[in-house]
C-alpha atoms as a PDB file:
ATOM      1  CA  UNK A   1      24.768  19.126   3.798  1.00  0.00           C
ATOM      2  CA  UNK A   2      28.020  17.734   5.749  1.00  0.00           C
ATOM      3  CA  UNK A   3      29.900  15.314   3.268  1.00  0.00           C
ATOM      4  CA  UNK A   4      29.473  11.989   5.585  1.00  0.00           C
ATOM      5  CA  UNK A   5      25.852  13.586   5.860  1.00  0.00           C
ATOM      6  CA  UNK A   6      25.678  13.300   1.774  1.00  0.00           C
ATOM      7  CA  UNK A   7      26.878   9.407   2.126  1.00  0.00           C
ATOM      8  CA  UNK A   8      24.344   7.985   4.721  1.00  0.00           C
ATOM      9  CA  UNK A   9      22.080   9.824   2.784  1.00  0.00           C
ATOM     10  CA  UNK A  10      22.663   7.794  -0.621  1.00  0.00           C
ATOM     11  CA  UNK A  11      23.302   4.680   1.250  1.00  0.00           C
ATOM     12  CA  UNK A  12      19.809   4.692   1.990  1.00  0.00           C
ATOM     13  CA  UNK A  13      19.055   3.367  -1.991  1.00  0.00           C
ATOM     14  CA  UNK A  14      21.523   0.470  -2.170  1.00  0.00           C
ATOM     15  CA  UNK A  15      20.035  -2.751  -1.685  1.00  0.00           C
ATOM     16  CA  UNK A  16      22.272  -5.446  -0.976  1.00  0.00           C
ATOM     17  CA  UNK A  17      20.330  -8.128  -0.147  1.00  0.00           C
ATOM     18  CA  UNK A  18      17.470  -8.632  -1.213  1.00  0.00           C
ATOM     19  CA  UNK A  19      15.160 -11.308   0.839  1.00  0.00           C
ATOM     20  CA  UNK A  20      11.724  -9.219   1.745  1.00  0.00           C
ATOM     21  CA  UNK A  21      12.697  -6.480  -0.871  1.00  0.00           C
ATOM     22  CA  UNK A  22       9.599  -4.558  -1.438  1.00  0.00           C
ATOM     23  CA  UNK A  23       9.477  -1.972  -4.449  1.00  0.00           C
ATOM     24  CA  UNK A  24       6.328  -0.163  -2.698  1.00  0.00           C
ATOM     25  CA  UNK A  25       8.685   1.014  -0.496  1.00  0.00           C
ATOM     26  CA  UNK A  26      10.563   2.770  -2.395  1.00  0.00           C
ATOM     27  CA  UNK A  27       9.096   6.182  -3.721  1.00  0.00           C
ATOM     28  CA  UNK A  28      10.450   7.776  -6.633  1.00  0.00           C
ATOM     29  CA  UNK A  29       9.707  10.879  -6.523  1.00  0.00           C
ATOM     30  CA  UNK A  30      11.492  11.238  -2.881  1.00  0.00           C
ATOM     31  CA  UNK A  31      14.421  13.172  -2.235  1.00  0.00           C
ATOM     32  CA  UNK A  32      15.459  11.783   1.439  1.00  0.00           C
ATOM     33  CA  UNK A  33      14.839  14.327   3.162  1.00  0.00           C
ATOM     34  CA  UNK A  34      17.289  16.877   1.739  1.00  0.00           C
ATOM     35  CA  UNK A  35      17.439  20.390   2.358  1.00  0.00           C
ATOM     36  CA  UNK A  36      18.388  21.681  -0.693  1.00  0.00           C
ATOM     37  CA  UNK A  37      16.739  22.740  -3.957  1.00  0.00           C
ATOM     38  CA  UNK A  38      17.837  21.372  -7.860  1.00  0.00           C
ATOM     39  CA  UNK A  39      20.410  24.531  -7.671  1.00  0.00           C
ATOM     40  CA  UNK A  40      22.765  23.220  -5.557  1.00  0.00           C
ATOM     41  CA  UNK A  41      22.070  19.660  -5.835  1.00  0.00           C
ATOM     42  CA  UNK A  42      23.044  20.403 -10.018  1.00  0.00           C
ATOM     43  CA  UNK A  43      26.680  22.596  -8.807  1.00  0.00           C
ATOM     44  CA  UNK A  44      27.215  19.197  -5.495  1.00  0.00           C
ATOM     45  CA  UNK A  45      26.959  16.815  -9.305  1.00  0.00           C
ATOM     46  CA  UNK A  46      29.768  19.021 -10.711  1.00  0.00           C
ATOM     47  CA  UNK A  47      31.806  18.424  -8.048  1.00  0.00           C
ATOM     48  CA  UNK A  48      31.149  14.699  -7.558  1.00  0.00           C
ATOM     49  CA  UNK A  49      31.765  14.435 -11.297  1.00  0.00           C
ATOM     50  CA  UNK A  50      35.029  15.769 -10.956  1.00  0.00           C
ATOM     51  CA  UNK A  51      35.655  13.517  -8.176  1.00  0.00           C
ATOM     52  CA  UNK A  52      34.575  10.621 -10.242  1.00  0.00           C
ATOM     53  CA  UNK A  53      37.055  11.851 -12.738  1.00  0.00           C
ATOM     54  CA  UNK A  54      40.029  12.037 -10.652  1.00  0.00           C
ATOM     55  CA  UNK A  55      39.138   7.881  -9.676  1.00  0.00           C
ATOM     56  CA  UNK A  56      38.497   6.742 -12.828  1.00  0.00           C
ATOM     57  CA  UNK A  57      42.066   7.742 -14.199  1.00  0.00           C
ATOM     58  CA  UNK A  58      43.385   5.982 -10.459  1.00  0.00           C
ATOM     59  CA  UNK A  59      41.548   3.002 -11.576  1.00  0.00           C
ATOM     60  CA  UNK A  60      43.025   3.035 -14.759  1.00  0.00           C
ATOM     61  CA  UNK A  61      46.417   3.541 -13.598  1.00  0.00           C
ATOM     62  CA  UNK A  62      45.906   1.076 -11.295  1.00  0.00           C
ATOM     63  CA  UNK A  63      45.196  -1.519 -13.920  1.00  0.00           C
ATOM     64  CA  UNK A  64      43.472  -4.335 -11.524  1.00  0.00           C
ATOM     65  CA  UNK A  65      40.391  -3.792 -11.370  1.00  0.00           C
ATOM     66  CA  UNK A  66      36.817  -3.051 -13.531  1.00  0.00           C
ATOM     67  CA  UNK A  67      34.055  -1.540 -13.143  1.00  0.00           C
ATOM     68  CA  UNK A  68      30.450  -2.613 -14.327  1.00  0.00           C
ATOM     69  CA  UNK A  69      27.553  -0.046 -13.860  1.00  0.00           C
ATOM     70  CA  UNK A  70      24.487  -1.664 -15.321  1.00  0.00           C
ATOM     71  CA  UNK A  71      21.297   0.895 -16.103  1.00  0.00           C
ATOM     72  CA  UNK A  72      17.707  -0.094 -15.779  1.00  0.00           C
ATOM     73  CA  UNK A  73      14.208   1.482 -16.041  1.00  0.00           C
ATOM     74  CA  UNK A  74      10.854   2.258 -17.610  1.00  0.00           C
ATOM     75  CA  UNK A  75      10.637   3.949 -20.621  1.00  0.00           C
ATOM     76  CA  UNK A  76      11.520   7.615 -20.036  1.00  0.00           C
ATOM     77  CA  UNK A  77      13.157   6.390 -16.726  1.00  0.00           C
ATOM     78  CA  UNK A  78      16.283   8.672 -17.716  1.00  0.00           C
ATOM     79  CA  UNK A  79      19.228   6.020 -18.136  1.00  0.00           C
ATOM     80  CA  UNK A  80      20.236   8.205 -21.057  1.00  0.00           C
ATOM     81  CA  UNK A  81      20.580  11.294 -19.340  1.00  0.00           C
ATOM     82  CA  UNK A  82      21.719   9.943 -16.395  1.00  0.00           C
ATOM     83  CA  UNK A  83      24.650   8.351 -17.890  1.00  0.00           C
ATOM     84  CA  UNK A  84      25.247  11.375 -19.924  1.00  0.00           C
ATOM     85  CA  UNK A  85      25.307  13.571 -17.394  1.00  0.00           C
ATOM     86  CA  UNK A  86      27.108  11.044 -14.765  1.00  0.00           C
ATOM     87  CA  UNK A  87      30.143  10.225 -16.972  1.00  0.00           C
ATOM     88  CA  UNK A  88      30.345  13.826 -18.425  1.00  0.00           C
ATOM     89  CA  UNK A  89      33.632  14.680 -17.126  1.00  0.00           C
ATOM     90  CA  UNK A  90      35.312  11.229 -17.863  1.00  0.00           C
ATOM     91  CA  UNK A  91      38.553  10.389 -20.262  1.00  0.00           C
ATOM     92  CA  UNK A  92      36.732   8.595 -23.141  1.00  0.00           C
ATOM     93  CA  UNK A  93      39.370   6.003 -23.193  1.00  0.00           C
ATOM     94  CA  UNK A  94      38.242   4.555 -19.773  1.00  0.00           C
ATOM     95  CA  UNK A  95      35.170   4.145 -20.009  1.00  0.00           C
ATOM     96  CA  UNK A  96      33.117   1.656 -22.456  1.00  0.00           C
ATOM     97  CA  UNK A  97      29.029   2.248 -22.888  1.00  0.00           C
ATOM     98  CA  UNK A  98      26.506  -0.573 -24.372  1.00  0.00           C
ATOM     99  CA  UNK A  99      23.203   0.084 -25.363  1.00  0.00           C
ATOM    100  CA  UNK A 100      21.292  -3.747 -25.420  1.00  0.00           C
ATOM    101  CA  UNK A 101      18.741  -3.615 -28.198  1.00  0.00           C
ATOM    102  CA  UNK A 102      17.045  -7.034 -28.597  1.00  0.00           C
ATOM    103  CA  UNK A 103      19.088  -9.714 -29.784  1.00  0.00           C
ATOM    104  CA  UNK A 104      19.864 -10.649 -33.439  1.00  0.00           C
ATOM    105  CA  UNK A 105      20.094 -14.229 -35.146  1.00  0.00           C
ATOM    106  CA  UNK A 106      23.982 -14.582 -34.315  1.00  0.00           C
ATOM    107  CA  UNK A 107      23.226 -13.686 -30.984  1.00  0.00           C
ATOM    108  CA  UNK A 108      19.823 -15.892 -30.397  1.00  0.00           C
ATOM    109  CA  UNK A 109      21.991 -18.532 -31.496  1.00  0.00           C
ATOM    110  CA  UNK A 110      24.130 -18.281 -28.016  1.00  0.00           C
ATOM    111  CA  UNK A 111      23.295 -18.585 -24.487  1.00  0.00           C
ATOM    112  CA  UNK A 112      21.518 -15.219 -23.209  1.00  0.00           C
ATOM    113  CA  UNK A 113      24.796 -14.223 -21.530  1.00  0.00           C
ATOM    114  CA  UNK A 114      27.351 -14.281 -24.590  1.00  0.00           C
ATOM    115  CA  UNK A 115      26.906 -11.219 -25.765  1.00  0.00           C
ATOM    116  CA  UNK A 116      26.636  -9.311 -22.166  1.00  0.00           C
ATOM    117  CA  UNK A 117      29.965 -11.349 -22.034  1.00  0.00           C
ATOM    118  CA  UNK A 118      31.101  -9.831 -25.149  1.00  0.00           C
ATOM    119  CA  UNK A 119      30.908  -6.149 -24.479  1.00  0.00           C
ATOM    120  CA  UNK A 120      32.677  -6.174 -20.182  1.00  0.00           C
ATOM    121  CA  UNK A 121      34.852  -3.453 -19.500  1.00  0.00           C
ATOM    122  CA  UNK A 122      38.693  -4.306 -19.791  1.00  0.00           C
ATOM    123  CA  UNK A 123      40.737  -3.873 -16.069  1.00  0.00           C
ATOM    124  CA  UNK A 124      40.990  -0.106 -15.728  1.00  0.00           C
ATOM    125  CA  UNK A 125      37.956   0.729 -17.275  1.00  0.00           C
ATOM    126  CA  UNK A 126      34.374   1.812 -16.152  1.00  0.00           C
ATOM    127  CA  UNK A 127      31.604  -0.277 -17.938  1.00  0.00           C
ATOM    128  CA  UNK A 128      28.016   1.915 -18.651  1.00  0.00           C
ATOM    129  CA  UNK A 129      25.747  -0.699 -19.564  1.00  0.00           C
ATOM    130  CA  UNK A 130      22.272   0.847 -21.182  1.00  0.00           C
ATOM    131  CA  UNK A 131      19.934  -1.906 -20.696  1.00  0.00           C
ATOM    132  CA  UNK A 132      21.492  -5.587 -19.597  1.00  0.00           C
ATOM    133  CA  UNK A 133      21.323  -8.987 -19.015  1.00  0.00           C
ATOM    134  CA  UNK A 134      18.339  -7.876 -16.653  1.00  0.00           C
ATOM    135  CA  UNK A 135      16.213  -7.808 -19.938  1.00  0.00           C
ATOM    136  CA  UNK A 136      15.938 -11.570 -19.705  1.00  0.00           C
ATOM    137  CA  UNK A 137      14.042 -11.411 -17.161  1.00  0.00           C
ATOM    138  CA  UNK A 138      12.569  -8.121 -17.765  1.00  0.00           C
ATOM    139  CA  UNK A 139      11.027  -7.866 -20.508  1.00  0.00           C
ATOM    140  CA  UNK A 140      10.863 -11.487 -21.091  1.00  0.00           C
ATOM    141  CA  UNK A 141       8.631 -12.409 -18.421  1.00  0.00           C
ATOM    142  CA  UNK A 142       6.226  -9.830 -20.085  1.00  0.00           C
ATOM    143  CA  UNK A 143       6.672 -11.164 -23.869  1.00  0.00           C
ATOM    144  CA  UNK A 144       7.271 -15.023 -23.435  1.00  0.00           C
ATOM    145  CA  UNK A 145       6.959 -14.939 -27.246  1.00  0.00           C
ATOM    146  CA  UNK A 146      10.278 -13.886 -27.065  1.00  0.00           C
ATOM    147  CA  UNK A 147      12.049 -16.544 -24.918  1.00  0.00           C
ATOM    148  CA  UNK A 148      10.200 -19.401 -28.403  1.00  0.00           C
ATOM    149  CA  UNK A 149      12.835 -17.231 -30.568  1.00  0.00           C
ATOM    150  CA  UNK A 150      15.841 -18.429 -28.299  1.00  0.00           C
ATOM    151  CA  UNK A 151      14.763 -22.060 -28.873  1.00  0.00           C
ATOM    152  CA  UNK A 152      15.612 -23.208 -26.140  1.00  0.00           C
ATOM    153  CA  UNK A 153      14.279 -26.874 -25.958  1.00  0.00           C
ATOM    154  CA  UNK A 154      11.364 -27.536 -24.415  1.00  0.00           C
ATOM    155  CA  UNK A 155      12.494 -29.651 -21.963  1.00  0.00           C
ATOM    156  CA  UNK A 156      14.194 -26.862 -20.019  1.00  0.00           C
ATOM    157  CA  UNK A 157      11.156 -24.530 -19.983  1.00  0.00           C
ATOM    158  CA  UNK A 158       9.179 -25.966 -17.185  1.00  0.00           C
ATOM    159  CA  UNK A 159       8.428 -24.409 -13.887  1.00  0.00           C
ATOM    160  CA  UNK A 160      12.185 -23.619 -12.523  1.00  0.00           C
ATOM    161  CA  UNK A 161      12.459 -21.831 -15.423  1.00  0.00           C
ATOM    162  CA  UNK A 162      13.014 -18.567 -14.291  1.00  0.00           C
ATOM    163  CA  UNK A 163      14.721 -19.492 -11.011  1.00  0.00           C
ATOM    164  CA  UNK A 164      17.074 -20.885 -13.056  1.00  0.00           C
ATOM    165  CA  UNK A 165      17.267 -17.791 -14.470  1.00  0.00           C
ATOM    166  CA  UNK A 166      18.216 -15.783 -11.603  1.00  0.00           C
ATOM    167  CA  UNK A 167      20.759 -18.208 -10.507  1.00  0.00           C
ATOM    168  CA  UNK A 168      22.240 -17.821 -14.030  1.00  0.00           C
ATOM    169  CA  UNK A 169      22.977 -14.398 -13.323  1.00  0.00           C
ATOM    170  CA  UNK A 170      23.839 -13.912  -9.624  1.00  0.00           C
ATOM    171  CA  UNK A 171      26.288 -16.759 -10.486  1.00  0.00           C
ATOM    172  CA  UNK A 172      27.184 -14.950 -13.949  1.00  0.00           C
ATOM    173  CA  UNK A 173      27.974 -11.923 -11.052  1.00  0.00           C
ATOM    174  CA  UNK A 174      29.831 -14.043  -8.727  1.00  0.00           C
ATOM    175  CA  UNK A 175      32.188 -14.804 -10.859  1.00  0.00           C
ATOM    176  CA  UNK A 176      32.499 -11.355 -12.343  1.00  0.00           C
ATOM    177  CA  UNK A 177      33.620 -10.376  -8.757  1.00  0.00           C
ATOM    178  CA  UNK A 178      36.066 -13.291  -7.800  1.00  0.00           C
ATOM    179  CA  UNK A 179      37.619 -11.626 -11.200  1.00  0.00           C
ATOM    180  CA  UNK A 180      38.016  -8.039 -10.273  1.00  0.00           C
ATOM    181  CA  UNK A 181      35.096  -6.638 -11.841  1.00  0.00           C
ATOM    182  CA  UNK A 182      32.689  -4.523  -9.581  1.00  0.00           C
ATOM    183  CA  UNK A 183      28.760  -5.036 -10.401  1.00  0.00           C
ATOM    184  CA  UNK A 184      26.781  -1.732  -9.802  1.00  0.00           C
ATOM    185  CA  UNK A 185      22.670  -2.334 -10.360  1.00  0.00           C
ATOM    186  CA  UNK A 186      20.714   0.778 -11.052  1.00  0.00           C
ATOM    187  CA  UNK A 187      17.325   0.908 -11.303  1.00  0.00           C
ATOM    188  CA  UNK A 188      15.708   4.328 -11.942  1.00  0.00           C
ATOM    189  CA  UNK A 189      12.503   4.372 -10.741  1.00  0.00           C
ATOM    190  CA  UNK A 190       9.702   6.386 -12.327  1.00  0.00           C
ATOM    191  CA  UNK A 191       6.544   6.795 -11.162  1.00  0.00           C
ATOM    192  CA  UNK A 192       3.821   6.435 -13.672  1.00  0.00           C
ATOM    193  CA  UNK A 193       2.576  10.025 -13.637  1.00  0.00           C
ATOM    194  CA  UNK A 194       6.476  11.357 -14.253  1.00  0.00           C
ATOM    195  CA  UNK A 195       6.571   8.624 -17.402  1.00  0.00           C
ATOM    196  CA  UNK A 196       3.162  10.212 -18.869  1.00  0.00           C
ATOM    197  CA  UNK A 197       4.474  13.690 -18.271  1.00  0.00           C
ATOM    198  CA  UNK A 198       8.015  12.628 -20.100  1.00  0.00           C
ATOM    199  CA  UNK A 199       6.166  10.770 -22.890  1.00  0.00           C
ATOM    200  CA  UNK A 200       3.869  13.945 -23.846  1.00  0.00           C
ATOM    201  CA  UNK A 201       7.003  16.105 -24.045  1.00  0.00           C
ATOM    202  CA  UNK A 202       8.296  13.758 -26.504  1.00  0.00           C
ATOM    203  CA  UNK A 203       5.140  14.339 -28.771  1.00  0.00           C
ATOM    204  CA  UNK A 204       5.284  17.884 -27.783  1.00  0.00           C
ATOM    205  CA  UNK A 205       8.876  18.925 -28.614  1.00  0.00           C
ATOM    206  CA  UNK A 206       9.532  18.141 -32.261  1.00  0.00           C
ATOM    207  CA  UNK A 207      13.195  18.023 -31.710  1.00  0.00           C
ATOM    208  CA  UNK A 208      11.981  15.025 -29.014  1.00  0.00           C
ATOM    209  CA  UNK A 209      10.082  13.301 -31.630  1.00  0.00           C
ATOM    210  CA  UNK A 210      12.435  10.347 -33.021  1.00  0.00           C
ATOM    211  CA  UNK A 211      12.161   9.267 -29.167  1.00  0.00           C
ATOM    212  CA  UNK A 212       8.984   8.692 -29.061  1.00  0.00           C
ATOM    213  CA  UNK A 213       7.073   5.279 -30.163  1.00  0.00           C
ATOM    214  CA  UNK A 214       3.516   4.381 -30.755  1.00  0.00           C
ATOM    215  CA  UNK A 215       5.187   0.684 -29.000  1.00  0.00           C
ATOM    216  CA  UNK A 216       6.105   2.722 -25.831  1.00  0.00           C
ATOM    217  CA  UNK A 217       1.969   2.810 -24.672  1.00  0.00           C
ATOM    218  CA  UNK A 218       2.088  -0.525 -25.223  1.00  0.00           C
ATOM    219  CA  UNK A 219       4.402  -1.426 -22.797  1.00  0.00           C
ATOM    220  CA  UNK A 220       3.336   1.180 -20.436  1.00  0.00           C
ATOM    221  CA  UNK A 221      -0.024  -0.616 -20.506  1.00  0.00           C
ATOM    222  CA  UNK A 222       1.867  -3.533 -18.978  1.00  0.00           C
ATOM    223  CA  UNK A 223       3.224  -1.373 -15.992  1.00  0.00           C
ATOM    224  CA  UNK A 224       1.707  -3.226 -12.909  1.00  0.00           C
ATOM    225  CA  UNK A 225       4.083  -6.321 -14.793  1.00  0.00           C
ATOM    226  CA  UNK A 226       6.902  -4.688 -15.379  1.00  0.00           C
ATOM    227  CA  UNK A 227       6.771  -2.893 -11.112  1.00  0.00           C
ATOM    228  CA  UNK A 228       6.181  -7.308 -10.205  1.00  0.00           C
ATOM    229  CA  UNK A 229       8.800  -7.778 -12.633  1.00  0.00           C
ATOM    230  CA  UNK A 230      11.702  -5.605 -11.271  1.00  0.00           C
ATOM    231  CA  UNK A 231      10.224  -6.148  -7.628  1.00  0.00           C
ATOM    232  CA  UNK A 232      11.447  -9.672  -7.840  1.00  0.00           C
ATOM    233  CA  UNK A 233      14.808  -9.036 -10.361  1.00  0.00           C
ATOM    234  CA  UNK A 234      16.179  -6.862  -7.435  1.00  0.00           C
ATOM    235  CA  UNK A 235      15.233  -9.602  -4.679  1.00  0.00           C
ATOM    236  CA  UNK A 236      16.543 -12.062  -6.415  1.00  0.00           C
ATOM    237  CA  UNK A 237      19.531 -11.066  -7.444  1.00  0.00           C
ATOM    238  CA  UNK A 238      20.680  -7.843  -4.940  1.00  0.00           C
ATOM    239  CA  UNK A 239      23.707  -9.173  -3.070  1.00  0.00           C
ATOM    240  CA  UNK A 240      26.521  -7.406  -1.069  1.00  0.00           C
ATOM    241  CA  UNK A 241      28.816  -7.703  -3.555  1.00  0.00           C
ATOM    242  CA  UNK A 242      26.131  -6.892  -6.729  1.00  0.00           C
ATOM    243  CA  UNK A 243      24.204  -4.552  -4.838  1.00  0.00           C
ATOM    244  CA  UNK A 244      21.162  -2.924  -6.480  1.00  0.00           C
ATOM    245  CA  UNK A 245      20.449   1.011  -5.848  1.00  0.00           C
ATOM    246  CA  UNK A 246      16.545   1.766  -5.974  1.00  0.00           C
ATOM    247  CA  UNK A 247      17.126   5.681  -7.391  1.00  0.00           C
ATOM    248  CA  UNK A 248      13.999   7.665  -7.115  1.00  0.00           C
ATOM    249  CA  UNK A 249      14.233   9.509 -10.359  1.00  0.00           C
ATOM    250  CA  UNK A 250      11.534  11.868 -10.783  1.00  0.00           C
ATOM    251  CA  UNK A 251      13.533  14.306  -9.952  1.00  0.00           C
ATOM    252  CA  UNK A 252      16.474  14.042 -12.742  1.00  0.00           C
ATOM    253  CA  UNK A 253      18.941  15.905 -10.847  1.00  0.00           C
ATOM    254  CA  UNK A 254      18.310  13.937  -7.717  1.00  0.00           C
ATOM    255  CA  UNK A 255      18.809  10.721  -9.404  1.00  0.00           C
ATOM    256  CA  UNK A 256      22.486  11.749 -10.804  1.00  0.00           C
ATOM    257  CA  UNK A 257      23.495  12.659  -7.751  1.00  0.00           C
ATOM    258  CA  UNK A 258      22.627   9.445  -6.238  1.00  0.00           C
ATOM    259  CA  UNK A 259      24.175   7.551  -8.975  1.00  0.00           C
ATOM    260  CA  UNK A 260      27.426   9.632  -9.226  1.00  0.00           C
ATOM    261  CA  UNK A 261      27.916   8.731  -4.906  1.00  0.00           C
ATOM    262  CA  UNK A 262      27.362   5.242  -5.202  1.00  0.00           C
ATOM    263  CA  UNK A 263      29.985   5.102  -8.267  1.00  0.00           C
ATOM    264  CA  UNK A 264      32.555   7.522  -6.341  1.00  0.00           C
ATOM    265  CA  UNK A 265      31.794   5.074  -2.918  1.00  0.00           C
ATOM    266  CA  UNK A 266      32.422   1.838  -4.778  1.00  0.00           C
ATOM    267  CA  UNK A 267      35.775   3.206  -6.254  1.00  0.00           C
ATOM    268  CA  UNK A 268      37.141   5.053  -3.001  1.00  0.00           C
ATOM    269  CA  UNK A 269      36.442   1.195  -1.642  1.00  0.00           C
ATOM    270  CA  UNK A 270      39.018  -0.732  -3.847  1.00  0.00           C
ATOM    271  CA  UNK A 271      42.674   0.951  -2.091  1.00  0.00           C
ATOM    272  CA  UNK A 272      43.177   1.569  -6.009  1.00  0.00           C
ATOM    273  CA  UNK A 273      46.981   2.588  -6.541  1.00  0.00           C
ATOM    274  CA  UNK A 274      49.269   3.264  -9.443  1.00  0.00           C
ATOM    275  CA  UNK A 275      51.381   1.235 -10.542  1.00  0.00           C
ATOM    276  CA  UNK A 276      54.937   2.111  -8.575  1.00  0.00           C
ATOM    277  CA  UNK A 277      57.168   4.346  -9.275  1.00  0.00           C
ATOM    278  CA  UNK A 278      60.832   4.507 -10.455  1.00  0.00           C
ATOM    279  CA  UNK A 279      63.280   4.733  -7.255  1.00  0.00           C
ATOM    280  CA  UNK A 280      64.365   8.111  -7.304  1.00  0.00           C
ATOM    281  CA  UNK A 281      67.603   7.254  -8.373  1.00  0.00           C
ATOM    282  CA  UNK A 282      65.978   6.764 -11.892  1.00  0.00           C
ATOM    283  CA  UNK A 283      63.658   9.512 -11.921  1.00  0.00           C
ATOM    284  CA  UNK A 284      66.577  11.831 -11.522  1.00  0.00           C
ATOM    285  CA  UNK A 285      68.366  10.283 -14.397  1.00  0.00           C
ATOM    286  CA  UNK A 286      65.538  10.416 -16.134  1.00  0.00           C
ATOM    287  CA  UNK A 287      64.923  14.426 -15.655  1.00  0.00           C
ATOM    288  CA  UNK A 288      69.065  14.676 -15.935  1.00  0.00           C
ATOM    289  CA  UNK A 289      68.933  12.741 -19.362  1.00  0.00           C
ATOM    290  CA  UNK A 290      65.560  15.378 -20.427  1.00  0.00           C
ATOM    291  CA  UNK A 291      67.166  18.529 -19.318  1.00  0.00           C
ATOM    292  CA  UNK A 292      70.736  17.238 -21.690  1.00  0.00           C
ATOM    293  CA  UNK A 293      68.490  16.635 -24.353  1.00  0.00           C
ATOM    294  CA  UNK A 294      68.269  19.780 -25.966  1.00  0.00           C
END
């Protein structure tokens, strides 16, 4: 498949305008009609990782921009594996990875975006969020008792509460964009049957038992509610400069390709350049000094 065809293929998963978005229109088992299989896809991924590594070095040298890649998924959706595969060739000095668990007492004493702001990438870095501020309009919608723990005044928890949360997230991401942080959001979209198979695999393989928690089944029972919550979150917060990518994730290799291609296109679109080098005369003087330093 030609390079331009590949780019066109993966752009179909980009949601830049959330109005009217429907998750039902996105097949978690789809592969966009590609005419290659897993082996060819993995070879293409290796080339993509190599290109991403080159761009990450240029991002670091340029030093003006940063990229924040947010990963969200149902349990078993493949966040860890996708992050590991896509970032496998990138210099660790140029990447920061944060996995967000349930907030602790200190975090609950602040606003819900406080801990997110602490973890943002430096200029020149790619920041990876394994779960993120979107838990505050996903998990909390299915578990409203978690909002109780945030001790928000009752007067602020009326009918407009969720509307205001979406507004705050949009404003936060718009603010980041205006400061030079490009926000990309990936929803690794798996089917309910694929999740069942992956959870079973965790039970069947002793080396993966640690990944399984009885709580996974409780969350799975809320599947439909989570699908609605994801749909609404994407609808409310997908914007041209903070897009969502609804990534078909039943085939892990294809999900990895979509993510790496999205990151490559984003970095290529930043017109990155290293700092202006010294003049030719200064370079030659430095070369001469080093040659004489024996």
